[in-house]
Amino acid sequence: MKTNLASRRGQLLRARFNRLHTIAAAGLLLSGLCTTTSGIDQILLDAPLLSAPSANYAYYGMYSPYATAASFTLASSYYVSMIDVVLRTPAATSFTTFHFSLQSALTDPVIVFATQDLTAAVGVASVRVMNVSETLPAGTYYLTGIVPGYIGTPVTPGDVDGWMLSTGVYSGTAGTITDGMWGGNPPTFLDAPGYVAPAFSVIGFPVPEPAAWALLAAGCASLPTLLRRKQA
């Protein structure tokens, strides 16, 4: 009788341990995915500001009827919460509004993911934040900027509103930044010496690929079966 009772207790303890082990495994799987989608922003891609101006210029002048554009490529899916851009205005300008757009292409067909008017400080270079709040799949994207109504107004040559230059040394694990910029109509890519990407940072966090969500769903669906087998 004592032997049977001890054996029964051992079976109950093993069953309890197996149930806890199964639940813990599912918890770890879920926590791993939740960590990936935790919403903790990080710099995904960065084209840092050129701190020491070059001999010729330190920004792309935006006295143009056409948008100036940077491009970057995401290696996988990311939730992009915002994009920081570094803008410059002269001391004597009355045009402080820059219209920015994040889109899939520069020519039709174009998918626009976010647009925002950014107001820059007068007479200095300043960081302005464009809110995106979109999950973007792997692919190439274009960040365009223009100063509405600026073209045709009196300006001092060489002293216009602009988008500050980057160092040309880019960082980030989310993908790549194209070394150069787009401008004109039709859009022309400029990548001659000195044409680095304008200064901007893409901020957000990675999201699971569909296969990861499928794995989680399969794991959760199998829990009842696993528990029943352990109890049998």
C-alpha atoms as a PDB file:
ATOM      1  CA  MET A   1       0.000   0.000   0.000  1.00  0.00           C
ATOM      2  CA  LYS A   2       2.804   2.386   0.919  1.00  0.00           C
ATOM      3  CA  THR A   3       4.572   1.656  -2.339  1.00  0.00           C
ATOM      4  CA  ASN A   4       1.419   2.331  -4.376  1.00  0.00           C
ATOM      5  CA  LEU A   5       0.792   5.576  -2.470  1.00  0.00           C
ATOM      6  CA  ALA A   6       4.361   6.772  -3.094  1.00  0.00           C
ATOM      7  CA  SER A   7       4.053   5.870  -6.739  1.00  0.00           C
ATOM      8  CA  ARG A   8       0.784   7.757  -7.011  1.00  0.00           C
ATOM      9  CA  ARG A   9       2.304  10.817  -5.386  1.00  0.00           C
ATOM     10  CA  GLY A  10       5.227  10.648  -7.810  1.00  0.00           C
ATOM     11  CA  GLN A  11       2.838  10.499 -10.761  1.00  0.00           C
ATOM     12  CA  LEU A  12       0.925  13.526  -9.469  1.00  0.00           C
ATOM     13  CA  LEU A  13       4.127  15.492  -8.926  1.00  0.00           C
ATOM     14  CA  ARG A  14       5.393  14.627 -12.418  1.00  0.00           C
ATOM     15  CA  ALA A  15       2.041  15.576 -13.973  1.00  0.00           C
ATOM     16  CA  ARG A  16       2.055  18.875 -12.107  1.00  0.00           C
ATOM     17  CA  PHE A  17       5.651  19.551 -13.172  1.00  0.00           C
ATOM     18  CA  ASN A  18       4.852  18.720 -16.802  1.00  0.00           C
ATOM     19  CA  ARG A  19       1.865  21.067 -16.791  1.00  0.00           C
ATOM     20  CA  LEU A  20       3.980  23.862 -15.332  1.00  0.00           C
ATOM     21  CA  HIS A  21       6.738  23.109 -17.819  1.00  0.00           C
ATOM     22  CA  THR A  22       4.319  23.332 -20.750  1.00  0.00           C
ATOM     23  CA  ILE A  23       2.808  26.584 -19.489  1.00  0.00           C
ATOM     24  CA  ALA A  24       6.267  28.029 -18.873  1.00  0.00           C
ATOM     25  CA  ALA A  25       7.368  27.121 -22.398  1.00  0.00           C
ATOM     26  CA  ALA A  26       4.328  28.836 -23.862  1.00  0.00           C
ATOM     27  CA  GLY A  27       5.007  31.832 -21.641  1.00  0.00           C
ATOM     28  CA  LEU A  28       8.574  32.083 -22.873  1.00  0.00           C
ATOM     29  CA  LEU A  29       7.401  31.922 -26.482  1.00  0.00           C
ATOM     30  CA  LEU A  30       4.845  34.641 -25.857  1.00  0.00           C
ATOM     31  CA  SER A  31       7.267  36.801 -23.895  1.00  0.00           C
ATOM     32  CA  GLY A  32       9.797  36.548 -26.709  1.00  0.00           C
ATOM     33  CA  LEU A  33       7.299  37.868 -29.210  1.00  0.00           C
ATOM     34  CA  CYS A  34       6.067  40.517 -26.793  1.00  0.00           C
ATOM     35  CA  THR A  35       9.639  41.702 -26.285  1.00  0.00           C
ATOM     36  CA  THR A  36       9.979  42.071 -30.044  1.00  0.00           C
ATOM     37  CA  THR A  37       6.812  44.164 -30.171  1.00  0.00           C
ATOM     38  CA  SER A  38       7.304  45.912 -26.859  1.00  0.00           C
ATOM     39  CA  GLY A  39       6.962  49.372 -28.353  1.00  0.00           C
ATOM     40  CA  ILE A  40      10.339  50.514 -27.028  1.00  0.00           C
ATOM     41  CA  ASP A  41      11.612  52.946 -29.641  1.00  0.00           C
ATOM     42  CA  GLN A  42      15.147  52.684 -30.926  1.00  0.00           C
ATOM     43  CA  ILE A  43      17.074  54.259 -33.770  1.00  0.00           C
ATOM     44  CA  LEU A  44      16.572  51.884 -36.675  1.00  0.00           C
ATOM     45  CA  LEU A  45      18.575  53.890 -39.228  1.00  0.00           C
ATOM     46  CA  ASP A  46      20.655  57.003 -38.735  1.00  0.00           C
ATOM     47  CA  ALA A  47      22.261  59.531 -41.083  1.00  0.00           C
ATOM     48  CA  PRO A  48      23.917  61.739 -38.444  1.00  0.00           C
ATOM     49  CA  LEU A  49      24.327  65.485 -38.837  1.00  0.00           C
ATOM     50  CA  LEU A  50      27.551  66.777 -40.321  1.00  0.00           C
ATOM     51  CA  SER A  51      28.864  68.677 -37.316  1.00  0.00           C
ATOM     52  CA  ALA A  52      31.688  70.411 -39.199  1.00  0.00           C
ATOM     53  CA  PRO A  53      30.389  72.094 -42.398  1.00  0.00           C
ATOM     54  CA  SER A  54      32.168  71.176 -45.604  1.00  0.00           C
ATOM     55  CA  ALA A  55      34.200  73.729 -47.534  1.00  0.00           C
ATOM     56  CA  ASN A  56      31.379  74.372 -49.991  1.00  0.00           C
ATOM     57  CA  TYR A  57      28.087  73.793 -48.233  1.00  0.00           C
ATOM     58  CA  ALA A  58      26.505  72.063 -45.259  1.00  0.00           C
ATOM     59  CA  TYR A  59      22.908  71.660 -46.407  1.00  0.00           C
ATOM     60  CA  TYR A  60      20.731  71.043 -49.441  1.00  0.00           C
ATOM     61  CA  GLY A  61      19.006  74.295 -50.351  1.00  0.00           C
ATOM     62  CA  MET A  62      15.265  73.799 -50.857  1.00  0.00           C
ATOM     63  CA  TYR A  63      14.567  76.881 -52.959  1.00  0.00           C
ATOM     64  CA  SER A  64      12.921  74.701 -55.576  1.00  0.00           C
ATOM     65  CA  PRO A  65       9.452  73.831 -56.877  1.00  0.00           C
ATOM     66  CA  TYR A  66      10.398  70.157 -56.567  1.00  0.00           C
ATOM     67  CA  ALA A  67      10.899  68.018 -53.512  1.00  0.00           C
ATOM     68  CA  THR A  68      14.265  66.988 -52.143  1.00  0.00           C
ATOM     69  CA  ALA A  69      14.257  63.306 -51.194  1.00  0.00           C
ATOM     70  CA  ALA A  70      16.288  60.798 -49.230  1.00  0.00           C
ATOM     71  CA  SER A  71      15.815  57.044 -49.593  1.00  0.00           C
ATOM     72  CA  PHE A  72      16.341  54.097 -47.284  1.00  0.00           C
ATOM     73  CA  THR A  73      15.667  50.370 -47.329  1.00  0.00           C
ATOM     74  CA  LEU A  74      14.247  48.241 -44.503  1.00  0.00           C
ATOM     75  CA  ALA A  75      15.526  44.664 -44.408  1.00  0.00           C
ATOM     76  CA  SER A  76      12.369  43.335 -42.708  1.00  0.00           C
ATOM     77  CA  SER A  77       9.145  44.596 -41.131  1.00  0.00           C
ATOM     78  CA  TYR A  78       9.401  47.476 -38.660  1.00  0.00           C
ATOM     79  CA  TYR A  79       6.979  49.706 -36.840  1.00  0.00           C
ATOM     80  CA  VAL A  80       8.186  53.232 -37.595  1.00  0.00           C
ATOM     81  CA  SER A  81       6.941  55.640 -34.966  1.00  0.00           C
ATOM     82  CA  MET A  82       8.719  58.779 -36.176  1.00  0.00           C
ATOM     83  CA  ILE A  83      11.455  60.227 -38.325  1.00  0.00           C
ATOM     84  CA  ASP A  84      13.759  63.016 -37.138  1.00  0.00           C
ATOM     85  CA  VAL A  85      15.013  65.488 -39.745  1.00  0.00           C
ATOM     86  CA  VAL A  86      17.506  68.318 -39.291  1.00  0.00           C
ATOM     87  CA  LEU A  87      16.346  71.521 -40.992  1.00  0.00           C
ATOM     88  CA  ARG A  88      18.018  74.875 -41.474  1.00  0.00           C
ATOM     89  CA  THR A  89      16.591  78.370 -41.988  1.00  0.00           C
ATOM     90  CA  PRO A  90      18.419  81.674 -42.519  1.00  0.00           C
ATOM     91  CA  ALA A  91      17.873  84.516 -40.062  1.00  0.00           C
ATOM     92  CA  ALA A  92      15.874  86.590 -42.537  1.00  0.00           C
ATOM     93  CA  THR A  93      13.348  84.053 -43.861  1.00  0.00           C
ATOM     94  CA  SER A  94       9.603  84.116 -43.408  1.00  0.00           C
ATOM     95  CA  PHE A  95       9.263  80.552 -44.746  1.00  0.00           C
ATOM     96  CA  THR A  96       9.601  78.222 -41.803  1.00  0.00           C
ATOM     97  CA  THR A  97       7.174  75.463 -42.836  1.00  0.00           C
ATOM     98  CA  PHE A  98       8.600  72.352 -44.479  1.00  0.00           C
ATOM     99  CA  HIS A  99       6.192  69.785 -45.925  1.00  0.00           C
ATOM    100  CA  PHE A 100       7.471  66.221 -45.516  1.00  0.00           C
ATOM    101  CA  SER A 101       6.108  62.961 -46.868  1.00  0.00           C
ATOM    102  CA  LEU A 102       7.090  59.310 -46.453  1.00  0.00           C
ATOM    103  CA  GLN A 103       6.155  57.331 -49.542  1.00  0.00           C
ATOM    104  CA  SER A 104       6.783  54.194 -51.574  1.00  0.00           C
ATOM    105  CA  ALA A 105       8.065  55.914 -54.725  1.00  0.00           C
ATOM    106  CA  LEU A 106       8.816  59.299 -56.274  1.00  0.00           C
ATOM    107  CA  THR A 107       6.676  58.766 -59.382  1.00  0.00           C
ATOM    108  CA  ASP A 108       3.209  57.266 -59.820  1.00  0.00           C
ATOM    109  CA  PRO A 109       1.942  54.946 -58.541  1.00  0.00           C
ATOM    110  CA  VAL A 110       2.812  56.310 -55.089  1.00  0.00           C
ATOM    111  CA  ILE A 111       1.660  55.063 -51.682  1.00  0.00           C
ATOM    112  CA  VAL A 112       1.901  57.782 -49.039  1.00  0.00           C
ATOM    113  CA  PHE A 113       2.435  56.437 -45.522  1.00  0.00           C
ATOM    114  CA  ALA A 114       2.644  59.735 -43.651  1.00  0.00           C
ATOM    115  CA  THR A 115       2.737  63.482 -44.288  1.00  0.00           C
ATOM    116  CA  GLN A 116       3.370  66.369 -41.935  1.00  0.00           C
ATOM    117  CA  ASP A 117       4.147  70.085 -41.985  1.00  0.00           C
ATOM    118  CA  LEU A 118       7.196  70.770 -39.831  1.00  0.00           C
ATOM    119  CA  THR A 119       7.855  74.255 -38.479  1.00  0.00           C
ATOM    120  CA  ALA A 120      11.563  75.024 -38.142  1.00  0.00           C
ATOM    121  CA  ALA A 121      13.225  77.541 -35.850  1.00  0.00           C
ATOM    122  CA  VAL A 122      14.467  80.725 -37.539  1.00  0.00           C
ATOM    123  CA  GLY A 123      18.164  81.274 -38.129  1.00  0.00           C
ATOM    124  CA  VAL A 124      19.447  77.940 -36.836  1.00  0.00           C
ATOM    125  CA  ALA A 125      19.603  74.236 -37.624  1.00  0.00           C
ATOM    126  CA  SER A 126      17.003  72.338 -35.610  1.00  0.00           C
ATOM    127  CA  VAL A 127      15.699  68.790 -35.264  1.00  0.00           C
ATOM    128  CA  ARG A 128      12.058  68.361 -36.184  1.00  0.00           C
ATOM    129  CA  VAL A 129       9.968  65.221 -35.686  1.00  0.00           C
ATOM    130  CA  MET A 130       7.708  63.716 -38.333  1.00  0.00           C
ATOM    131  CA  ASN A 131       5.162  61.306 -36.847  1.00  0.00           C
ATOM    132  CA  VAL A 132       4.685  58.136 -38.875  1.00  0.00           C
ATOM    133  CA  SER A 133       3.050  55.450 -36.669  1.00  0.00           C
ATOM    134  CA  GLU A 134       2.971  52.819 -39.403  1.00  0.00           C
ATOM    135  CA  THR A 135       4.180  49.234 -39.757  1.00  0.00           C
ATOM    136  CA  LEU A 136       6.319  49.114 -42.884  1.00  0.00           C
ATOM    137  CA  PRO A 137       7.252  45.838 -44.584  1.00  0.00           C
ATOM    138  CA  ALA A 138      10.686  45.200 -46.040  1.00  0.00           C
ATOM    139  CA  GLY A 139      11.371  47.486 -48.975  1.00  0.00           C
ATOM    140  CA  THR A 140      12.667  50.876 -50.120  1.00  0.00           C
ATOM    141  CA  TYR A 141      11.076  54.132 -48.944  1.00  0.00           C
ATOM    142  CA  TYR A 142      11.448  57.790 -49.866  1.00  0.00           C
ATOM    143  CA  LEU A 143      11.417  60.710 -47.449  1.00  0.00           C
ATOM    144  CA  THR A 144      10.606  63.890 -49.360  1.00  0.00           C
ATOM    145  CA  GLY A 145      10.641  67.505 -48.260  1.00  0.00           C
ATOM    146  CA  ILE A 146       9.640  70.797 -49.864  1.00  0.00           C
ATOM    147  CA  VAL A 147       9.061  74.390 -48.700  1.00  0.00           C
ATOM    148  CA  PRO A 148       5.620  75.350 -50.086  1.00  0.00           C
ATOM    149  CA  GLY A 149       5.460  78.754 -51.799  1.00  0.00           C
ATOM    150  CA  TYR A 150       9.174  79.421 -51.356  1.00  0.00           C
ATOM    151  CA  ILE A 151      10.197  79.367 -55.003  1.00  0.00           C
ATOM    152  CA  GLY A 152       9.913  82.804 -56.640  1.00  0.00           C
ATOM    153  CA  THR A 153      10.257  84.803 -53.429  1.00  0.00           C
ATOM    154  CA  PRO A 154      13.291  87.095 -52.894  1.00  0.00           C
ATOM    155  CA  VAL A 155      16.180  85.268 -51.216  1.00  0.00           C
ATOM    156  CA  THR A 156      19.847  85.919 -50.603  1.00  0.00           C
ATOM    157  CA  PRO A 157      21.849  83.635 -52.912  1.00  0.00           C
ATOM    158  CA  GLY A 158      23.472  80.824 -50.976  1.00  0.00           C
ATOM    159  CA  ASP A 159      21.450  81.544 -47.848  1.00  0.00           C
ATOM    160  CA  VAL A 160      18.172  79.683 -48.184  1.00  0.00           C
ATOM    161  CA  ASP A 161      16.057  77.225 -46.237  1.00  0.00           C
ATOM    162  CA  GLY A 162      17.488  73.738 -46.423  1.00  0.00           C
ATOM    163  CA  TRP A 163      17.898  70.179 -45.200  1.00  0.00           C
ATOM    164  CA  MET A 164      21.187  69.695 -43.351  1.00  0.00           C
ATOM    165  CA  LEU A 165      23.757  67.241 -44.677  1.00  0.00           C
ATOM    166  CA  SER A 166      24.774  64.061 -42.926  1.00  0.00           C
ATOM    167  CA  THR A 167      28.300  62.809 -42.416  1.00  0.00           C
ATOM    168  CA  GLY A 168      27.760  60.170 -45.082  1.00  0.00           C
ATOM    169  CA  VAL A 169      28.526  57.466 -42.494  1.00  0.00           C
ATOM    170  CA  TYR A 170      25.278  55.672 -41.694  1.00  0.00           C
ATOM    171  CA  SER A 171      24.366  53.311 -38.895  1.00  0.00           C
ATOM    172  CA  GLY A 172      21.527  51.031 -37.861  1.00  0.00           C
ATOM    173  CA  THR A 173      20.660  47.360 -38.058  1.00  0.00           C
ATOM    174  CA  ALA A 174      17.268  47.749 -39.736  1.00  0.00           C
ATOM    175  CA  GLY A 175      18.580  48.168 -43.265  1.00  0.00           C
ATOM    176  CA  THR A 176      20.515  50.706 -45.322  1.00  0.00           C
ATOM    177  CA  ILE A 177      20.478  54.407 -46.189  1.00  0.00           C
ATOM    178  CA  THR A 178      21.209  55.411 -49.774  1.00  0.00           C
ATOM    179  CA  ASP A 179      24.297  57.601 -50.082  1.00  0.00           C
ATOM    180  CA  GLY A 180      22.996  60.550 -52.102  1.00  0.00           C
ATOM    181  CA  MET A 181      19.717  62.381 -52.680  1.00  0.00           C
ATOM    182  CA  TRP A 182      16.917  62.863 -55.187  1.00  0.00           C
ATOM    183  CA  GLY A 183      15.766  66.119 -56.735  1.00  0.00           C
ATOM    184  CA  GLY A 184      14.191  67.718 -59.800  1.00  0.00           C
ATOM    185  CA  ASN A 185      11.373  66.688 -62.095  1.00  0.00           C
ATOM    186  CA  PRO A 186      11.536  63.933 -63.154  1.00  0.00           C
ATOM    187  CA  PRO A 187      13.390  62.929 -59.992  1.00  0.00           C
ATOM    188  CA  THR A 188      17.123  62.606 -60.614  1.00  0.00           C
ATOM    189  CA  PHE A 189      19.444  60.750 -58.264  1.00  0.00           C
ATOM    190  CA  LEU A 190      22.529  62.733 -57.302  1.00  0.00           C
ATOM    191  CA  ASP A 191      25.424  60.664 -55.989  1.00  0.00           C
ATOM    192  CA  ALA A 192      28.485  62.567 -57.171  1.00  0.00           C
ATOM    193  CA  PRO A 193      31.210  63.267 -54.577  1.00  0.00           C
ATOM    194  CA  GLY A 194      29.739  65.432 -51.835  1.00  0.00           C
ATOM    195  CA  TYR A 195      26.166  64.276 -52.392  1.00  0.00           C
ATOM    196  CA  VAL A 196      25.592  62.402 -49.151  1.00  0.00           C
ATOM    197  CA  ALA A 197      22.180  61.689 -47.658  1.00  0.00           C
ATOM    198  CA  PRO A 198      20.554  64.563 -45.787  1.00  0.00           C
ATOM    199  CA  ALA A 199      20.519  64.241 -41.992  1.00  0.00           C
ATOM    200  CA  PHE A 200      17.653  62.104 -40.650  1.00  0.00           C
ATOM    201  CA  SER A 201      16.918  59.209 -38.285  1.00  0.00           C
ATOM    202  CA  VAL A 202      14.274  56.500 -38.576  1.00  0.00           C
ATOM    203  CA  ILE A 203      12.924  55.523 -35.148  1.00  0.00           C
ATOM    204  CA  GLY A 204      10.752  52.548 -34.163  1.00  0.00           C
ATOM    205  CA  PHE A 205      11.044  48.843 -33.365  1.00  0.00           C
ATOM    206  CA  PRO A 206      10.935  45.456 -35.135  1.00  0.00           C
ATOM    207  CA  VAL A 207       7.727  43.463 -35.506  1.00  0.00           C
ATOM    208  CA  PRO A 208       7.409  39.686 -35.919  1.00  0.00           C
ATOM    209  CA  GLU A 209       7.178  38.262 -39.392  1.00  0.00           C
ATOM    210  CA  PRO A 210       4.005  36.274 -40.240  1.00  0.00           C
ATOM    211  CA  ALA A 211       5.874  33.012 -39.587  1.00  0.00           C
ATOM    212  CA  ALA A 212       6.501  34.071 -35.978  1.00  0.00           C
ATOM    213  CA  TRP A 213       2.815  34.818 -35.415  1.00  0.00           C
ATOM    214  CA  ALA A 214       1.948  31.435 -36.966  1.00  0.00           C
ATOM    215  CA  LEU A 215       4.344  29.731 -34.557  1.00  0.00           C
ATOM    216  CA  LEU A 216       2.719  31.457 -31.593  1.00  0.00           C
ATOM    217  CA  ALA A 217      -0.768  30.524 -32.786  1.00  0.00           C
ATOM    218  CA  ALA A 218       0.263  26.884 -33.281  1.00  0.00           C
ATOM    219  CA  GLY A 219       1.870  26.791 -29.841  1.00  0.00           C
ATOM    220  CA  CYS A 220      -1.196  28.237 -28.123  1.00  0.00           C
ATOM    221  CA  ALA A 221      -3.535  25.901 -30.025  1.00  0.00           C
ATOM    222  CA  SER A 222      -1.526  22.874 -28.924  1.00  0.00           C
ATOM    223  CA  LEU A 223      -1.587  23.733 -25.211  1.00  0.00           C
ATOM    224  CA  PRO A 224      -4.944  22.037 -24.374  1.00  0.00           C
ATOM    225  CA  THR A 225      -3.839  18.830 -26.130  1.00  0.00           C
ATOM    226  CA  LEU A 226      -0.501  18.829 -24.328  1.00  0.00           C
ATOM    227  CA  LEU A 227      -2.161  19.344 -20.957  1.00  0.00           C
ATOM    228  CA  ARG A 228      -4.625  16.513 -21.572  1.00  0.00           C
ATOM    229  CA  ARG A 229      -1.786  14.173 -22.539  1.00  0.00           C
ATOM    230  CA  LYS A 230       0.168  15.048 -19.409  1.00  0.00           C
ATOM    231  CA  GLN A 231      -2.897  14.438 -17.234  1.00  0.00           C
ATOM    232  CA  ALA A 232      -3.664  11.074 -18.848  1.00  0.00           C
END
